[in-house]
Amino acid sequence: MAFGVLMSEREREPMKITDYLPTGKENAIPSKELAARLGFDTVRELQRAVERERQSGAVILSTCSDGGGYYLSDDPLEIAAFIRTLNTRASNTLRSLESARAALDELTGQDRR
């Protein structure tokens, strides 16, 4: 059963992942466990659903430490740490993109920047 058809018995409305997440990094639910609980066939399906909810404004945090997982937070320090992690990942991705573009430009004799 994919996320889109996961329904509340009372409301018969699609449930949100945030309805199943605990508060606090120490309570994070590992991806595999959350995917199984919510009826996703793969962790990748869960990740896509999390991304859709995030794009709709949900603040779903994740961590890779201590087994990793997803969680909600009302702690400004946890949210700030998550933001720092995302900023670092984005910076690393941008540097990799720039390196790849430069290599392509050198190989093709074009400037794609």
N, C-alpha and C. Protein backbone atom coordinates (compact mmCIF):
# COMPACT_ATOMS: atom_id res chain seq x y z
N MET A 1 0.85 -1.16 0.00
CA MET A 1 0.00 0.00 0.00
C MET A 1 0.90 1.23 0.00
N ALA A 2 0.75 2.08 -0.94
CA ALA A 2 1.57 3.29 -1.03
C ALA A 2 0.95 4.39 -0.19
N PHE A 3 1.75 5.42 0.08
CA PHE A 3 1.32 6.52 0.94
C PHE A 3 0.03 7.16 0.47
N GLY A 4 -0.13 7.32 -0.82
CA GLY A 4 -1.32 8.00 -1.36
C GLY A 4 -2.62 7.32 -0.98
N VAL A 5 -2.59 6.03 -0.64
CA VAL A 5 -3.82 5.34 -0.30
C VAL A 5 -3.92 4.99 1.19
N LEU A 6 -2.94 5.39 1.96
CA LEU A 6 -2.99 5.17 3.39
C LEU A 6 -4.07 6.07 3.97
N MET A 7 -5.12 5.48 4.54
CA MET A 7 -6.27 6.28 4.97
C MET A 7 -6.53 6.10 6.47
N SER A 8 -7.06 7.16 7.04
CA SER A 8 -7.53 7.10 8.41
C SER A 8 -8.87 6.38 8.40
N GLU A 9 -9.07 5.45 9.30
CA GLU A 9 -10.34 4.73 9.35
C GLU A 9 -11.48 5.69 9.68
N ARG A 10 -11.24 6.67 10.55
CA ARG A 10 -12.29 7.61 10.95
C ARG A 10 -12.62 8.59 9.85
N GLU A 11 -11.61 9.15 9.25
CA GLU A 11 -11.83 10.28 8.35
C GLU A 11 -11.84 9.91 6.88
N ARG A 12 -11.28 8.78 6.52
CA ARG A 12 -11.16 8.39 5.13
C ARG A 12 -10.47 9.46 4.30
N GLU A 13 -9.48 10.10 4.90
CA GLU A 13 -8.64 11.07 4.22
C GLU A 13 -7.22 10.55 4.23
N PRO A 14 -6.43 10.90 3.23
CA PRO A 14 -5.03 10.46 3.25
C PRO A 14 -4.33 10.98 4.50
N MET A 15 -3.58 10.11 5.14
CA MET A 15 -2.83 10.50 6.32
C MET A 15 -1.50 11.10 5.90
N LYS A 16 -1.00 11.97 6.72
CA LYS A 16 0.30 12.58 6.47
C LYS A 16 1.37 11.85 7.27
N ILE A 17 2.57 11.84 6.74
CA ILE A 17 3.69 11.23 7.44
C ILE A 17 3.89 11.91 8.79
N THR A 18 3.69 13.22 8.82
CA THR A 18 3.85 13.95 10.08
C THR A 18 2.93 13.44 11.18
N ASP A 19 1.81 12.80 10.80
CA ASP A 19 0.90 12.24 11.80
C ASP A 19 1.53 11.06 12.55
N TYR A 20 2.59 10.49 11.98
CA TYR A 20 3.21 9.30 12.55
C TYR A 20 4.58 9.56 13.16
N LEU A 21 5.05 10.80 13.08
CA LEU A 21 6.40 11.08 13.55
C LEU A 21 6.42 11.55 14.99
N PRO A 22 7.40 11.08 15.74
CA PRO A 22 7.58 11.54 17.12
C PRO A 22 8.30 12.88 17.13
N THR A 23 8.27 13.52 18.25
CA THR A 23 8.99 14.78 18.44
C THR A 23 10.32 14.49 19.12
N GLY A 24 11.38 15.11 18.61
CA GLY A 24 12.70 14.98 19.21
C GLY A 24 13.61 14.03 18.46
N LYS A 25 14.83 14.49 18.24
CA LYS A 25 15.83 13.71 17.53
C LYS A 25 16.06 12.35 18.19
N GLU A 26 16.02 12.32 19.50
CA GLU A 26 16.27 11.07 20.22
C GLU A 26 15.18 10.03 19.96
N ASN A 27 14.04 10.46 19.41
CA ASN A 27 12.93 9.56 19.12
C ASN A 27 12.77 9.27 17.62
N ALA A 28 13.75 9.68 16.82
CA ALA A 28 13.65 9.51 15.36
C ALA A 28 13.34 8.06 15.00
N ILE A 29 12.47 7.89 14.01
CA ILE A 29 12.11 6.56 13.53
C ILE A 29 12.94 6.24 12.29
N PRO A 30 13.69 5.13 12.33
CA PRO A 30 14.50 4.77 11.17
C PRO A 30 13.64 4.62 9.90
N SER A 31 14.23 4.96 8.77
CA SER A 31 13.51 4.95 7.49
C SER A 31 12.86 3.61 7.19
N LYS A 32 13.60 2.53 7.37
CA LYS A 32 13.04 1.20 7.07
C LYS A 32 11.82 0.90 7.93
N GLU A 33 11.92 1.25 9.21
CA GLU A 33 10.81 1.01 10.13
C GLU A 33 9.61 1.86 9.76
N LEU A 34 9.83 3.13 9.47
CA LEU A 34 8.73 4.03 9.11
C LEU A 34 8.08 3.59 7.80
N ALA A 35 8.90 3.21 6.83
CA ALA A 35 8.36 2.74 5.55
C ALA A 35 7.46 1.52 5.77
N ALA A 36 7.90 0.61 6.59
CA ALA A 36 7.09 -0.59 6.87
C ALA A 36 5.80 -0.22 7.60
N ARG A 37 5.90 0.64 8.59
CA ARG A 37 4.71 1.05 9.35
C ARG A 37 3.66 1.70 8.45
N LEU A 38 4.13 2.48 7.48
CA LEU A 38 3.21 3.24 6.63
C LEU A 38 2.83 2.51 5.35
N GLY A 39 3.38 1.33 5.15
CA GLY A 39 2.99 0.52 4.02
C GLY A 39 3.68 0.83 2.71
N PHE A 40 4.83 1.50 2.76
CA PHE A 40 5.60 1.74 1.55
C PHE A 40 6.34 0.47 1.16
N ASP A 41 6.48 0.26 -0.14
CA ASP A 41 7.21 -0.91 -0.61
C ASP A 41 8.71 -0.74 -0.45
N THR A 42 9.19 0.51 -0.54
CA THR A 42 10.62 0.78 -0.43
C THR A 42 10.86 2.05 0.38
N VAL A 43 12.08 2.16 0.89
CA VAL A 43 12.48 3.39 1.58
C VAL A 43 12.47 4.55 0.61
N ARG A 44 12.82 4.30 -0.64
CA ARG A 44 12.83 5.37 -1.65
C ARG A 44 11.44 5.98 -1.83
N GLU A 45 10.40 5.15 -1.80
CA GLU A 45 9.02 5.66 -1.88
C GLU A 45 8.73 6.56 -0.69
N LEU A 46 9.16 6.15 0.50
CA LEU A 46 9.00 6.97 1.70
C LEU A 46 9.71 8.30 1.52
N GLN A 47 10.95 8.27 1.04
CA GLN A 47 11.72 9.49 0.86
C GLN A 47 11.01 10.46 -0.10
N ARG A 48 10.43 9.93 -1.17
CA ARG A 48 9.69 10.79 -2.11
C ARG A 48 8.48 11.41 -1.44
N ALA A 49 7.78 10.63 -0.62
CA ALA A 49 6.60 11.14 0.08
C ALA A 49 7.01 12.21 1.11
N VAL A 50 8.12 11.98 1.81
CA VAL A 50 8.63 12.98 2.76
C VAL A 50 8.95 14.27 2.02
N GLU A 51 9.60 14.15 0.87
CA GLU A 51 9.95 15.33 0.08
C GLU A 51 8.70 16.09 -0.36
N ARG A 52 7.66 15.37 -0.77
CA ARG A 52 6.40 16.04 -1.15
C ARG A 52 5.81 16.80 0.02
N GLU A 53 5.81 16.19 1.20
CA GLU A 53 5.27 16.89 2.38
C GLU A 53 6.13 18.10 2.73
N ARG A 54 7.45 17.95 2.62
CA ARG A 54 8.33 19.09 2.90
C ARG A 54 8.05 20.22 1.92
N GLN A 55 7.85 19.90 0.65
CA GLN A 55 7.56 20.93 -0.34
C GLN A 55 6.23 21.60 -0.09
N SER A 56 5.34 20.93 0.64
CA SER A 56 4.05 21.50 1.01
C SER A 56 4.13 22.29 2.32
N GLY A 57 5.33 22.36 2.89
CA GLY A 57 5.51 23.17 4.09
C GLY A 57 5.75 22.43 5.38
N ALA A 58 5.70 21.11 5.36
CA ALA A 58 5.94 20.34 6.58
C ALA A 58 7.42 20.42 6.95
N VAL A 59 7.69 20.58 8.23
CA VAL A 59 9.07 20.62 8.70
C VAL A 59 9.39 19.24 9.29
N ILE A 60 9.79 18.35 8.39
CA ILE A 60 10.16 16.99 8.77
C ILE A 60 11.68 16.94 8.82
N LEU A 61 12.21 16.70 10.00
CA LEU A 61 13.65 16.64 10.18
C LEU A 61 14.13 15.21 10.02
N SER A 62 15.40 15.08 9.71
CA SER A 62 16.00 13.75 9.60
C SER A 62 17.43 13.83 10.11
N THR A 63 17.90 12.66 10.47
CA THR A 63 19.27 12.56 10.96
C THR A 63 19.88 11.27 10.46
N CYS A 64 21.18 11.27 10.30
CA CYS A 64 21.91 10.05 9.92
C CYS A 64 22.63 9.45 11.13
N SER A 65 22.72 10.22 12.21
CA SER A 65 23.45 9.74 13.38
C SER A 65 22.58 8.81 14.24
N ASP A 66 23.24 7.98 14.99
CA ASP A 66 22.57 7.05 15.92
C ASP A 66 21.48 6.23 15.25
N GLY A 67 21.76 5.69 14.09
CA GLY A 67 20.77 4.88 13.40
C GLY A 67 19.89 5.68 12.47
N GLY A 68 19.87 6.99 12.62
CA GLY A 68 19.13 7.87 11.73
C GLY A 68 17.64 7.75 11.84
N GLY A 69 16.97 8.52 11.03
CA GLY A 69 15.53 8.46 11.00
C GLY A 69 14.89 9.82 10.84
N TYR A 70 13.56 9.81 10.85
CA TYR A 70 12.76 11.02 10.69
C TYR A 70 12.08 11.38 12.01
N TYR A 71 11.88 12.69 12.20
CA TYR A 71 11.25 13.17 13.43
C TYR A 71 10.76 14.60 13.24
N LEU A 72 9.96 15.06 14.18
CA LEU A 72 9.52 16.45 14.24
C LEU A 72 10.26 17.10 15.40
N SER A 73 10.25 18.43 15.43
CA SER A 73 10.93 19.10 16.53
C SER A 73 10.26 20.43 16.86
N ASP A 74 10.27 20.72 18.15
CA ASP A 74 9.86 22.05 18.61
C ASP A 74 11.04 22.71 19.32
N ASP A 75 12.24 22.15 19.11
CA ASP A 75 13.47 22.64 19.72
C ASP A 75 14.26 23.46 18.70
N PRO A 76 14.41 24.77 18.95
CA PRO A 76 15.15 25.61 18.00
C PRO A 76 16.57 25.11 17.72
N LEU A 77 17.22 24.49 18.71
CA LEU A 77 18.58 23.99 18.50
C LEU A 77 18.59 22.80 17.53
N GLU A 78 17.61 21.91 17.64
CA GLU A 78 17.51 20.78 16.72
C GLU A 78 17.23 21.27 15.30
N ILE A 79 16.33 22.22 15.17
CA ILE A 79 16.00 22.75 13.85
C ILE A 79 17.20 23.47 13.25
N ALA A 80 17.91 24.25 14.05
CA ALA A 80 19.10 24.95 13.56
C ALA A 80 20.18 23.95 13.12
N ALA A 81 20.35 22.87 13.86
CA ALA A 81 21.34 21.85 13.49
C ALA A 81 20.95 21.19 12.17
N PHE A 82 19.66 20.93 11.98
CA PHE A 82 19.18 20.35 10.73
C PHE A 82 19.44 21.30 9.57
N ILE A 83 19.19 22.58 9.77
CA ILE A 83 19.45 23.59 8.74
C ILE A 83 20.93 23.61 8.37
N ARG A 84 21.81 23.57 9.39
CA ARG A 84 23.25 23.54 9.12
C ARG A 84 23.63 22.32 8.28
N THR A 85 23.06 21.18 8.62
CA THR A 85 23.33 19.95 7.87
C THR A 85 22.90 20.10 6.41
N LEU A 86 21.70 20.63 6.19
CA LEU A 86 21.23 20.82 4.82
C LEU A 86 22.09 21.83 4.06
N ASN A 87 22.51 22.89 4.74
CA ASN A 87 23.39 23.88 4.09
C ASN A 87 24.71 23.25 3.68
N THR A 88 25.27 22.43 4.53
CA THR A 88 26.53 21.76 4.21
C THR A 88 26.36 20.83 3.01
N ARG A 89 25.28 20.04 3.03
CA ARG A 89 25.02 19.14 1.89
C ARG A 89 24.84 19.93 0.61
N ALA A 90 24.09 21.02 0.68
CA ALA A 90 23.84 21.84 -0.52
C ALA A 90 25.15 22.43 -1.04
N SER A 91 26.00 22.91 -0.15
CA SER A 91 27.30 23.47 -0.56
C SER A 91 28.16 22.41 -1.22
N ASN A 92 28.20 21.22 -0.64
CA ASN A 92 28.98 20.12 -1.22
C ASN A 92 28.44 19.73 -2.59
N THR A 93 27.13 19.69 -2.72
CA THR A 93 26.51 19.36 -4.01
C THR A 93 26.83 20.42 -5.04
N LEU A 94 26.77 21.68 -4.65
CA LEU A 94 27.07 22.77 -5.58
C LEU A 94 28.53 22.71 -6.05
N ARG A 95 29.46 22.42 -5.13
CA ARG A 95 30.87 22.28 -5.52
C ARG A 95 31.05 21.12 -6.50
N SER A 96 30.37 20.02 -6.26
CA SER A 96 30.46 18.88 -7.17
C SER A 96 29.89 19.23 -8.53
N LEU A 97 28.80 19.96 -8.55
CA LEU A 97 28.18 20.39 -9.80
C LEU A 97 29.13 21.30 -10.58
N GLU A 98 29.75 22.23 -9.88
CA GLU A 98 30.68 23.15 -10.54
C GLU A 98 31.88 22.41 -11.12
N SER A 99 32.39 21.44 -10.38
CA SER A 99 33.53 20.64 -10.87
C SER A 99 33.14 19.85 -12.11
N ALA A 100 31.96 19.24 -12.07
CA ALA A 100 31.50 18.45 -13.22
C ALA A 100 31.28 19.35 -14.43
N ARG A 101 30.70 20.53 -14.22
CA ARG A 101 30.51 21.47 -15.34
C ARG A 101 31.85 21.90 -15.94
N ALA A 102 32.80 22.17 -15.08
CA ALA A 102 34.12 22.59 -15.57
C ALA A 102 34.76 21.47 -16.39
N ALA A 103 34.64 20.24 -15.92
CA ALA A 103 35.20 19.11 -16.66
C ALA A 103 34.50 18.95 -18.01
N LEU A 104 33.19 19.11 -18.03
CA LEU A 104 32.44 19.01 -19.28
C LEU A 104 32.85 20.13 -20.24
N ASP A 105 32.98 21.34 -19.70
CA ASP A 105 33.39 22.46 -20.52
C ASP A 105 34.76 22.20 -21.15
N GLU A 106 35.67 21.67 -20.35
CA GLU A 106 37.01 21.38 -20.85
C GLU A 106 36.99 20.32 -21.94
N LEU A 107 36.16 19.30 -21.73
CA LEU A 107 36.07 18.22 -22.71
C LEU A 107 35.38 18.64 -24.00
N THR A 108 34.41 19.53 -23.89
CA THR A 108 33.62 19.91 -25.07
C THR A 108 34.03 21.25 -25.66
N GLY A 109 34.88 21.99 -24.92
CA GLY A 109 35.29 23.31 -25.40
C GLY A 109 34.18 24.35 -25.28
N GLN A 110 33.21 24.09 -24.42
CA GLN A 110 32.09 25.03 -24.21
C GLN A 110 32.10 25.53 -22.77
N ASP A 111 31.44 26.66 -22.59
CA ASP A 111 31.26 27.19 -21.23
C ASP A 111 29.77 27.16 -20.91
N ARG A 112 29.37 26.26 -20.04
CA ARG A 112 27.94 26.07 -19.72
C ARG A 112 27.51 26.81 -18.45
N ARG A 113 28.41 27.53 -17.83
CA ARG A 113 28.05 28.21 -16.58
C ARG A 113 27.22 29.37 -16.85
